[in-house]
Amino acid sequence: MHVSSAVAAQTYWAEHAWLPHVNGPVVEPDVLIEVGADGRFARVVPDSGPCPPGAVRLAGLLVPGQANSHSHAFHRALRGTVQVGSGTFWTWRDTMYRFAGALDPDSYLALATAVYAEMALAGITAVGEFHYLHHAPGGVRYADPNAMGEALIEAADRAGIRITLLDTCYLSAGFGAELTKPQLRFGDGDADAWAARADALTARPHARIGAAVHSVRAVPAEQLGTVAHWAAMRKAPLHVHLSEQTAENDACLTAHGVTPTRLLHDHGVLGPRTSAVHATHLTAEDVKLLSDSSTVICMCPTTERDLADGIGPARQLASAGCPVTLGSDSHAVIDPFEEARALELNERLRTRTRGHWTANALLRAGTEDGHASLGWPEAGRIEAGALADFTVLALDSVRTAGPTPRLGAETAVFAASAADVRHVVVGGRRVVVDGVHALVPDVAAALKHSICTVRGS
């Protein structure tokens, strides 16, 4: 065990840190940080003077650990392969099914460990894994019906990060359509059987359990309430893919006479513990239903542009009161700073104006709001009592050199990349040190080996 293991109290000293302030976060110099044996911040003291003896000196900018609010770990094996030629979301999905069909608990453990280690190297300390690859090919249950989910939980621990396993209900291929052969691995028969299986999953110090509705096309309308009730009874996060493709909207209108958002609303799925992922193609009424219910919106800009999904109304939703979070989804890129940057830059392209999001707002989306959406409200802030999860970015790389340190938030969002991550600490434990993963010795080799295994090459 790694994240869940006991840690020794430790003192750190950061050259600069992005800290909460009554008027909004600010970058402070010479920050003394004491972490207790419980893995939480015991004391955070800005402008503390020189680094004291015995403290770990952290050069650069310290920010909260990043929350990757939407992940499909096995999609990492698709990187490069699905960028050949053209195609659509639906042809991409066919390729994804072929890779899904090759995985078993052992190969998924190896792949996910490497993927989560890549996330750690990018500054990510918690991941929301939208998990629907439940069973063996043909839909046959493993001896442990949650063997695949358990592999993901173990993988996160081996990689040193936190996980919220969003166990996903996936029952049909479309409105009224039976699962296709590749999808049989995803299905439990009905929502009651899904709930019974999900009941056997248990939280651990580094892992929490949530639920997901794959989409309105994958869960019959009359069974949506079962999933929502399961999450509500446990006060657990509930996530759902929403209106990523116009084809889904059209099919929902044909089947039910309402939009996917309205269908989710009518069956009690929306609410402050619910995250709607993508929310790309919405009506004005959809926006109102989401904002009135305080539903969280998870945007995945690098995947949405890779799949040519379109640019969702994130700014409109945020202005209406919906918290916004960020995810790397299909892992075309694993870089939380690129996701944050893309949210603003996409909106600039759409509107041909600048300045829709401040750097502080974008950092909050990837930290405090992201962690809250995954059921970790005690993470995502550098303050006493919070979980001691943080990332340190270099301010002297070829990307980040030049701006004054007080512009650290702007530098992090609009200049830095995952390559600028120097240190990552999770629960007081050093997971990345000087840009090297402390638990997975060669992340690139682990990725290559695990992906080649899945490909059969």
Protein backbone atom coordinates (compact mmCIF):
# COMPACT_ATOMS: atom_id res chain seq x y z
CA MET A 1 0.00 0.00 0.00
CA HIS A 2 1.20 3.49 -0.80
CA VAL A 3 -1.29 6.36 -0.47
CA SER A 4 -2.97 4.51 2.37
CA SER A 5 0.27 3.82 4.26
CA ALA A 6 1.21 5.78 7.35
CA VAL A 7 3.50 8.76 6.70
CA ALA A 8 5.93 10.59 8.92
CA ALA A 9 5.35 14.23 9.76
CA GLN A 10 7.31 16.42 7.35
CA THR A 11 8.12 20.09 6.87
CA TYR A 12 8.32 21.61 3.40
CA TRP A 13 9.34 25.08 2.31
CA ALA A 14 8.03 26.38 -1.01
CA GLU A 15 9.54 29.30 -2.90
CA HIS A 16 6.03 30.25 -3.96
CA ALA A 17 2.58 28.79 -3.34
CA TRP A 18 -0.93 29.49 -4.64
CA LEU A 19 -2.89 29.92 -1.41
CA PRO A 20 -6.49 30.70 -0.45
CA HIS A 21 -7.20 34.32 0.50
CA VAL A 22 -10.33 36.17 1.55
CA ASN A 23 -10.30 38.11 -1.75
CA GLY A 24 -9.38 35.10 -3.84
CA PRO A 25 -6.26 32.94 -4.18
CA VAL A 26 -2.88 34.66 -4.36
CA VAL A 27 0.70 33.56 -4.92
CA GLU A 28 2.70 33.95 -1.72
CA PRO A 29 6.50 33.66 -1.28
CA ASP A 30 8.55 31.66 1.25
CA VAL A 31 5.75 29.36 2.39
CA LEU A 32 6.41 27.00 5.29
CA ILE A 33 4.23 23.90 5.15
CA GLU A 34 3.97 21.37 7.96
CA VAL A 35 2.33 18.03 7.17
CA GLY A 36 1.17 15.83 10.03
CA ALA A 37 1.44 12.06 10.35
CA ASP A 38 -2.24 11.93 9.36
CA GLY A 39 -1.35 13.12 5.86
CA ARG A 40 -3.01 16.51 6.27
CA PHE A 41 -1.65 20.03 6.33
CA ALA A 42 -0.97 20.97 9.95
CA ARG A 43 0.27 24.51 9.28
CA VAL A 44 0.73 26.76 6.25
CA VAL A 45 2.74 29.95 6.86
CA PRO A 46 3.37 32.38 4.00
CA ASP A 47 6.26 34.86 4.00
CA SER A 48 7.99 32.69 6.61
CA GLY A 49 11.58 33.70 5.83
CA PRO A 50 14.38 31.45 4.54
CA CYS A 51 14.06 27.69 4.31
CA PRO A 52 14.69 26.29 7.80
CA PRO A 53 17.08 23.39 8.47
CA GLY A 54 15.48 20.00 7.97
CA ALA A 55 12.72 21.23 5.67
CA VAL A 56 12.34 19.89 2.11
CA ARG A 57 12.98 22.86 -0.19
CA LEU A 58 10.59 23.08 -3.16
CA ALA A 59 11.69 25.43 -5.93
CA GLY A 60 8.96 26.77 -8.21
CA LEU A 61 5.22 27.19 -7.66
CA LEU A 62 3.27 24.94 -5.30
CA VAL A 63 -0.40 24.39 -6.20
CA PRO A 64 -2.99 21.88 -4.97
CA GLY A 65 -2.89 18.47 -6.57
CA GLN A 66 -4.93 18.31 -9.75
CA ALA A 67 -8.19 16.33 -9.91
CA ASN A 68 -8.81 14.43 -13.13
CA SER A 69 -12.58 14.28 -12.90
CA HIS A 70 -13.23 12.01 -15.87
CA SER A 71 -11.08 9.08 -16.98
CA HIS A 72 -11.42 5.86 -18.95
CA ALA A 73 -8.04 4.31 -18.18
CA PHE A 74 -8.04 1.75 -20.97
CA HIS A 75 -8.56 4.46 -23.60
CA ARG A 76 -4.90 5.39 -23.10
CA ALA A 77 -4.05 2.39 -25.31
CA LEU A 78 -5.78 4.17 -28.21
CA ARG A 79 -3.41 7.14 -28.30
CA GLY A 80 -1.90 7.50 -31.78
CA THR A 81 -3.92 4.59 -33.18
CA VAL A 82 -7.18 6.51 -33.50
CA GLN A 83 -5.46 9.60 -34.90
CA VAL A 84 -4.76 7.82 -38.21
CA GLY A 85 -6.96 9.10 -41.03
CA SER A 86 -10.39 10.62 -40.41
CA GLY A 87 -13.56 8.99 -39.12
CA THR A 88 -16.20 9.95 -36.58
CA PHE A 89 -16.92 9.49 -32.89
CA TRP A 90 -18.74 6.29 -33.81
CA THR A 91 -15.83 4.79 -35.81
CA TRP A 92 -13.54 5.77 -32.91
CA ARG A 93 -15.90 3.86 -30.62
CA ASP A 94 -15.55 0.69 -32.71
CA THR A 95 -11.77 0.82 -32.27
CA MET A 96 -12.22 1.38 -28.55
CA TYR A 97 -14.39 -1.74 -28.31
CA ARG A 98 -11.61 -3.86 -29.86
CA PHE A 99 -9.14 -2.74 -27.21
CA ALA A 100 -11.69 -3.26 -24.43
CA GLY A 101 -12.22 -6.82 -25.57
CA ALA A 102 -8.56 -7.69 -25.00
CA LEU A 103 -8.35 -6.74 -21.32
CA ASP A 104 -8.57 -8.97 -18.27
CA PRO A 105 -8.00 -8.07 -14.59
CA ASP A 106 -4.24 -8.67 -14.76
CA SER A 107 -3.61 -6.73 -17.95
CA TYR A 108 -5.94 -3.96 -16.81
CA LEU A 109 -4.03 -3.69 -13.53
CA ALA A 110 -0.76 -3.27 -15.42
CA LEU A 111 -2.18 -0.77 -17.90
CA ALA A 112 -4.05 1.31 -15.32
CA THR A 113 -1.04 1.42 -13.00
CA ALA A 114 1.03 2.89 -15.84
CA VAL A 115 -1.73 5.32 -16.82
CA TYR A 116 -2.23 6.54 -13.26
CA ALA A 117 1.54 6.90 -12.90
CA GLU A 118 1.50 9.07 -16.04
CA MET A 119 -1.21 11.14 -14.35
CA ALA A 120 0.93 11.54 -11.24
CA LEU A 121 3.83 12.78 -13.38
CA ALA A 122 1.40 15.36 -14.79
CA GLY A 123 0.49 16.67 -11.32
CA ILE A 124 -2.75 14.70 -10.87
CA THR A 125 -3.36 13.43 -7.33
CA ALA A 126 -6.93 12.10 -7.70
CA VAL A 127 -8.81 10.50 -10.58
CA GLY A 128 -12.48 9.85 -11.22
CA GLU A 129 -12.53 6.55 -13.10
CA PHE A 130 -15.74 6.17 -15.12
CA HIS A 131 -15.65 2.38 -15.07
CA TYR A 132 -17.90 0.21 -17.20
CA LEU A 133 -15.61 -2.64 -18.29
CA HIS A 134 -17.00 -5.00 -15.68
CA HIS A 135 -17.10 -8.56 -16.96
CA ALA A 136 -15.26 -11.09 -19.13
CA PRO A 137 -15.89 -11.27 -22.90
CA GLY A 138 -19.45 -12.32 -23.62
CA GLY A 139 -20.61 -10.82 -20.34
CA VAL A 140 -19.50 -13.80 -18.20
CA ARG A 141 -18.84 -12.70 -14.64
CA TYR A 142 -15.45 -13.20 -13.09
CA ALA A 143 -15.28 -15.21 -9.86
CA ASP A 144 -15.12 -11.82 -8.20
CA PRO A 145 -17.75 -9.82 -10.12
CA ASN A 146 -15.80 -6.65 -9.32
CA ALA A 147 -12.39 -7.97 -10.37
CA MET A 148 -11.93 -5.25 -12.98
CA GLY A 149 -12.94 -2.47 -10.60
CA GLU A 150 -10.66 -3.88 -7.91
CA ALA A 151 -7.81 -3.84 -10.43
CA LEU A 152 -8.36 -0.11 -10.92
CA ILE A 153 -8.43 0.57 -7.19
CA GLU A 154 -5.19 -1.39 -6.75
CA ALA A 155 -3.63 0.38 -9.74
CA ALA A 156 -4.27 3.80 -8.21
CA ASP A 157 -2.64 2.66 -4.98
CA ARG A 158 0.41 1.35 -6.83
CA ALA A 159 0.69 4.64 -8.68
CA GLY A 160 0.33 6.63 -5.46
CA ILE A 161 -2.83 8.60 -6.28
CA ARG A 162 -6.39 8.70 -4.98
CA ILE A 163 -9.28 7.27 -6.96
CA THR A 164 -13.03 7.59 -7.01
CA LEU A 165 -14.30 4.48 -8.78
CA LEU A 166 -17.44 5.62 -10.57
CA ASP A 167 -19.02 2.23 -11.12
CA THR A 168 -21.08 2.63 -14.26
CA CYS A 169 -24.47 1.24 -15.14
CA TYR A 170 -24.53 0.29 -18.85
CA LEU A 171 -27.50 -1.81 -19.95
CA SER A 172 -28.40 -1.15 -23.58
CA ALA A 173 -26.83 -0.26 -26.93
CA GLY A 174 -29.37 2.47 -27.52
CA PHE A 175 -32.94 3.35 -26.76
CA GLY A 176 -34.62 -0.06 -26.59
CA ALA A 177 -31.68 -1.86 -28.22
CA GLU A 178 -29.91 -4.88 -26.76
CA LEU A 179 -26.20 -4.72 -26.04
CA THR A 180 -23.98 -5.59 -28.98
CA LYS A 181 -21.38 -8.35 -28.63
CA PRO A 182 -18.51 -5.99 -27.60
CA GLN A 183 -20.81 -4.29 -25.07
CA LEU A 184 -21.79 -7.49 -23.26
CA ARG A 185 -18.80 -6.98 -20.95
CA PHE A 186 -20.38 -3.75 -19.72
CA GLY A 187 -23.85 -4.99 -18.78
CA ASP A 188 -25.38 -6.34 -15.57
CA GLY A 189 -28.83 -7.17 -16.96
CA ASP A 190 -30.74 -4.45 -15.16
CA ALA A 191 -30.12 -1.62 -12.71
CA ASP A 192 -31.01 -3.74 -9.67
CA ALA A 193 -28.32 -6.27 -10.62
CA TRP A 194 -25.88 -3.42 -11.21
CA ALA A 195 -26.67 -2.04 -7.73
CA ALA A 196 -26.22 -5.44 -6.09
CA ARG A 197 -22.77 -5.80 -7.67
CA ALA A 198 -21.75 -2.23 -6.85
CA ASP A 199 -22.79 -2.80 -3.23
CA ALA A 200 -19.83 -5.16 -2.83
CA LEU A 201 -17.29 -2.41 -3.56
CA THR A 202 -15.78 -0.84 -0.47
CA ALA A 203 -13.93 2.41 0.13
CA ARG A 204 -10.32 2.44 1.25
CA PRO A 205 -8.10 5.25 2.53
CA HIS A 206 -7.08 6.08 -1.05
CA ALA A 207 -10.33 5.04 -2.76
CA ARG A 208 -13.96 6.09 -2.65
CA ILE A 209 -16.90 4.59 -4.51
CA GLY A 210 -19.34 6.52 -6.66
CA ALA A 211 -21.83 5.70 -9.39
CA ALA A 212 -22.37 6.59 -13.01
CA VAL A 213 -25.09 6.40 -15.61
CA HIS A 214 -23.20 5.78 -18.81
CA SER A 215 -25.69 7.82 -20.83
CA VAL A 216 -29.41 8.08 -21.42
CA ARG A 217 -29.03 5.75 -24.39
CA ALA A 218 -27.35 3.07 -22.23
CA VAL A 219 -29.73 3.02 -19.24
CA PRO A 220 -33.48 2.70 -19.86
CA ALA A 221 -35.42 5.68 -18.55
CA GLU A 222 -37.40 3.62 -16.03
CA GLN A 223 -34.12 2.42 -14.46
CA LEU A 224 -32.35 5.77 -14.14
CA GLY A 225 -33.95 6.32 -10.75
CA THR A 226 -32.41 3.12 -9.37
CA VAL A 227 -28.90 4.41 -10.03
CA ALA A 228 -29.75 7.86 -8.68
CA HIS A 229 -31.24 6.35 -5.53
CA TRP A 230 -28.17 4.14 -4.97
CA ALA A 231 -25.92 7.20 -5.07
CA ALA A 232 -28.26 9.33 -2.95
CA MET A 233 -28.48 6.74 -0.18
CA ARG A 234 -24.68 6.71 0.06
CA LYS A 235 -24.22 10.45 -0.53
CA ALA A 236 -21.87 9.35 -3.29
CA PRO A 237 -20.87 11.16 -6.48
CA LEU A 238 -23.01 10.37 -9.52
CA HIS A 239 -21.63 11.06 -13.00
CA VAL A 240 -23.21 10.79 -16.45
CA HIS A 241 -22.18 11.37 -20.06
CA LEU A 242 -24.55 14.04 -21.36
CA SER A 243 -25.25 15.25 -24.91
CA GLU A 244 -21.75 14.63 -26.21
CA GLN A 245 -23.16 13.94 -29.67
CA THR A 246 -26.15 15.45 -31.47
CA ALA A 247 -27.11 11.92 -32.53
CA GLU A 248 -27.82 11.09 -28.89
CA ASN A 249 -30.06 14.14 -28.56
CA ASP A 250 -31.97 13.22 -31.72
CA ALA A 251 -32.45 9.62 -30.62
CA CYS A 252 -33.65 10.71 -27.17
CA LEU A 253 -36.16 13.12 -28.69
CA THR A 254 -37.45 10.33 -30.94
CA ALA A 255 -37.71 7.82 -28.08
CA HIS A 256 -39.02 10.07 -25.31
CA GLY A 257 -39.96 13.43 -26.80
CA VAL A 258 -37.52 15.27 -24.51
CA THR A 259 -33.83 16.12 -24.44
CA PRO A 260 -31.38 13.94 -22.47
CA THR A 261 -31.08 16.69 -19.84
CA ARG A 262 -34.85 16.82 -19.33
CA LEU A 263 -34.99 13.01 -19.14
CA LEU A 264 -32.31 12.98 -16.42
CA HIS A 265 -34.11 15.76 -14.57
CA ASP A 266 -37.46 13.97 -14.71
CA HIS A 267 -35.92 10.81 -13.20
CA GLY A 268 -34.07 12.53 -10.35
CA VAL A 269 -30.53 12.23 -11.71
CA LEU A 270 -29.51 15.89 -11.65
CA GLY A 271 -28.28 17.64 -8.49
CA PRO A 272 -25.22 19.02 -6.70
CA ARG A 273 -23.58 15.57 -6.30
CA THR A 274 -24.08 14.86 -10.01
CA SER A 275 -21.52 15.67 -12.69
CA ALA A 276 -22.69 15.95 -16.28
CA VAL A 277 -19.74 15.09 -18.49
CA HIS A 278 -19.32 17.00 -21.78
CA ALA A 279 -22.75 18.71 -21.89
CA THR A 280 -21.79 19.85 -25.37
CA HIS A 281 -25.07 20.22 -27.24
CA LEU A 282 -27.64 21.83 -24.95
CA THR A 283 -30.82 23.84 -25.35
CA ALA A 284 -31.61 26.94 -23.30
CA GLU A 285 -33.97 24.83 -21.20
CA ASP A 286 -31.19 22.28 -20.63
CA VAL A 287 -28.91 25.00 -19.30
CA LYS A 288 -31.61 26.17 -16.91
CA LEU A 289 -32.32 22.64 -15.65
CA LEU A 290 -28.63 22.05 -14.98
CA SER A 291 -28.09 25.37 -13.25
CA ASP A 292 -31.30 25.24 -11.20
CA SER A 293 -30.24 21.83 -9.88
CA SER A 294 -26.62 22.96 -9.22
CA THR A 295 -25.37 20.08 -11.33
CA VAL A 296 -21.60 20.05 -11.87
CA ILE A 297 -20.31 20.23 -15.44
CA CYS A 298 -17.19 18.23 -16.31
CA MET A 299 -15.50 19.46 -19.46
CA CYS A 300 -12.86 17.38 -21.25
CA PRO A 301 -11.50 19.82 -23.86
CA THR A 302 -8.64 17.74 -25.25
CA THR A 303 -10.92 14.75 -25.88
CA GLU A 304 -13.79 16.88 -27.15
CA ARG A 305 -11.53 18.47 -29.76
CA ASP A 306 -9.86 15.14 -30.61
CA LEU A 307 -13.25 13.56 -31.32
CA ALA A 308 -14.60 16.70 -33.03
CA ASP A 309 -17.48 16.78 -30.55
CA GLY A 310 -17.80 20.56 -30.54
CA ILE A 311 -17.36 23.29 -27.95
CA GLY A 312 -19.84 23.12 -25.08
CA PRO A 313 -21.39 26.15 -23.33
CA ALA A 314 -19.09 25.93 -20.30
CA ARG A 315 -18.94 29.68 -19.73
CA GLN A 316 -22.71 30.02 -19.97
CA LEU A 317 -23.20 27.14 -17.53
CA ALA A 318 -20.66 28.54 -15.08
CA SER A 319 -22.26 31.98 -15.23
CA ALA A 320 -25.61 30.34 -14.48
CA GLY A 321 -24.18 28.76 -11.33
CA CYS A 322 -22.88 25.32 -12.33
CA PRO A 323 -19.45 24.41 -10.92
CA VAL A 324 -17.09 23.36 -13.72
CA THR A 325 -14.47 20.61 -13.48
CA LEU A 326 -11.95 19.10 -15.90
CA GLY A 327 -11.07 15.61 -17.11
CA SER A 328 -8.73 13.95 -19.59
CA ASP A 329 -11.38 11.37 -20.61
CA SER A 330 -9.85 9.36 -23.49
CA HIS A 331 -6.28 10.45 -22.65
CA ALA A 332 -5.43 11.79 -26.07
CA VAL A 333 -3.38 14.03 -23.77
CA ILE A 334 -2.82 13.73 -20.03
CA ASP A 335 -2.09 17.30 -19.01
CA PRO A 336 -4.39 19.11 -16.57
CA PHE A 337 -2.88 22.48 -17.44
CA GLU A 338 -3.70 21.95 -21.10
CA GLU A 339 -7.29 21.05 -20.16
CA ALA A 340 -7.60 24.29 -18.16
CA ARG A 341 -6.00 26.38 -20.88
CA ALA A 342 -8.18 24.82 -23.57
CA LEU A 343 -11.37 25.75 -21.72
CA GLU A 344 -10.50 29.44 -22.15
CA LEU A 345 -8.94 29.16 -25.60
CA ASN A 346 -11.88 27.20 -27.02
CA GLU A 347 -14.22 29.92 -25.82
CA ARG A 348 -12.02 32.56 -27.47
CA LEU A 349 -12.26 30.71 -30.78
CA ARG A 350 -16.02 30.35 -30.46
CA THR A 351 -16.68 33.99 -29.54
CA ARG A 352 -13.61 35.75 -31.01
CA THR A 353 -13.18 37.58 -27.69
CA ARG A 354 -10.72 37.01 -24.81
CA GLY A 355 -10.91 36.82 -21.05
CA HIS A 356 -13.78 34.46 -20.26
CA TRP A 357 -12.03 32.74 -17.32
CA THR A 358 -9.41 33.99 -14.91
CA ALA A 359 -6.41 31.80 -14.24
CA ASN A 360 -7.61 31.45 -10.64
CA ALA A 361 -10.99 30.17 -11.79
CA LEU A 362 -9.41 27.64 -14.12
CA LEU A 363 -7.05 26.40 -11.40
CA ARG A 364 -9.99 26.03 -9.04
CA ALA A 365 -11.87 23.96 -11.64
CA GLY A 366 -8.95 21.55 -11.76
CA THR A 367 -8.39 21.41 -8.02
CA GLU A 368 -10.97 22.27 -5.35
CA ASP A 369 -14.09 21.88 -7.49
CA GLY A 370 -12.72 18.76 -9.17
CA HIS A 371 -11.97 17.05 -5.88
CA ALA A 372 -15.40 17.96 -4.49
CA SER A 373 -17.08 16.43 -7.55
CA LEU A 374 -15.25 13.18 -6.84
CA GLY A 375 -16.29 13.04 -3.20
CA TRP A 376 -13.03 14.43 -1.77
CA PRO A 377 -14.17 17.83 -0.42
CA GLU A 378 -11.26 17.88 2.03
CA ALA A 379 -8.74 18.05 -0.84
CA GLY A 380 -7.82 20.69 -3.41
CA ARG A 381 -6.70 23.52 -1.09
CA ILE A 382 -3.38 24.38 0.55
CA GLU A 383 -4.62 25.09 4.07
CA ALA A 384 -4.50 23.58 7.54
CA GLY A 385 -6.77 20.56 7.87
CA ALA A 386 -6.92 19.75 4.15
CA LEU A 387 -5.40 16.60 2.70
CA ALA A 388 -1.71 17.22 1.97
CA ASP A 389 -1.93 16.67 -1.78
CA PHE A 390 0.09 19.12 -3.86
CA THR A 391 2.06 19.65 -7.04
CA VAL A 392 5.13 21.80 -7.66
CA LEU A 393 5.66 23.40 -11.08
CA ALA A 394 9.00 24.67 -12.35
CA LEU A 395 9.03 28.42 -12.99
CA ASP A 396 12.36 28.31 -14.83
CA SER A 397 11.68 25.97 -17.76
CA VAL A 398 11.68 27.11 -21.39
CA ARG A 399 7.89 27.37 -21.10
CA THR A 400 7.58 29.14 -17.77
CA ALA A 401 10.68 31.33 -17.51
CA GLY A 402 10.10 35.09 -17.63
CA PRO A 403 6.88 36.04 -15.83
CA THR A 404 7.18 37.35 -12.28
CA PRO A 405 6.27 34.80 -9.58
CA ARG A 406 3.17 36.78 -8.59
CA LEU A 407 1.78 35.77 -12.01
CA GLY A 408 2.22 32.13 -11.06
CA ALA A 409 -1.42 31.22 -11.64
CA GLU A 410 -1.35 32.72 -15.14
CA THR A 411 1.95 30.98 -15.84
CA ALA A 412 0.59 27.63 -14.66
CA VAL A 413 -2.54 27.82 -16.79
CA PHE A 414 -1.38 29.61 -19.92
CA ALA A 415 2.28 28.54 -20.22
CA ALA A 416 3.06 25.41 -18.19
CA SER A 417 2.56 21.82 -19.24
CA ALA A 418 2.75 18.44 -17.56
CA ALA A 419 6.46 18.45 -18.41
CA ASP A 420 6.95 21.25 -15.87
CA VAL A 421 5.78 19.15 -12.91
CA ARG A 422 8.74 18.59 -10.58
CA HIS A 423 7.23 17.22 -7.39
CA VAL A 424 3.94 15.59 -6.39
CA VAL A 425 2.91 14.79 -2.82
CA VAL A 426 -0.22 12.79 -1.96
CA GLY A 427 -1.29 12.55 1.66
CA GLY A 428 2.14 13.75 2.71
CA ARG A 429 3.90 11.00 0.71
CA ARG A 430 6.32 12.04 -2.04
CA VAL A 431 5.10 10.34 -5.23
CA VAL A 432 7.06 12.35 -7.81
CA VAL A 433 10.52 13.68 -6.91
CA ASP A 434 12.48 15.86 -9.31
CA GLY A 435 10.24 14.76 -12.18
CA VAL A 436 10.70 11.02 -11.51
CA HIS A 437 7.96 8.72 -10.25
CA ALA A 438 9.01 7.26 -6.90
CA LEU A 439 6.85 4.12 -7.11
CA VAL A 440 6.87 3.17 -10.81
CA PRO A 441 10.53 3.30 -11.85
CA ASP A 442 10.04 3.66 -15.63
CA VAL A 443 6.56 4.91 -16.49
CA ALA A 444 7.21 5.05 -20.23
CA ALA A 445 8.38 1.42 -20.28
CA ALA A 446 5.37 0.39 -18.20
CA LEU A 447 3.03 2.12 -20.64
CA LYS A 448 4.72 0.57 -23.66
CA HIS A 449 4.68 -2.95 -22.23
CA SER A 450 1.09 -2.83 -21.00
CA ILE A 451 -0.23 -1.30 -24.24
CA CYS A 452 1.66 -3.81 -26.40
CA THR A 453 0.13 -6.58 -24.29
CA VAL A 454 -3.36 -5.25 -24.98
CA ARG A 455 -2.60 -4.89 -28.68
CA GLY A 456 -1.14 -8.38 -28.83
CA SER A 457 2.13 -7.09 -30.24
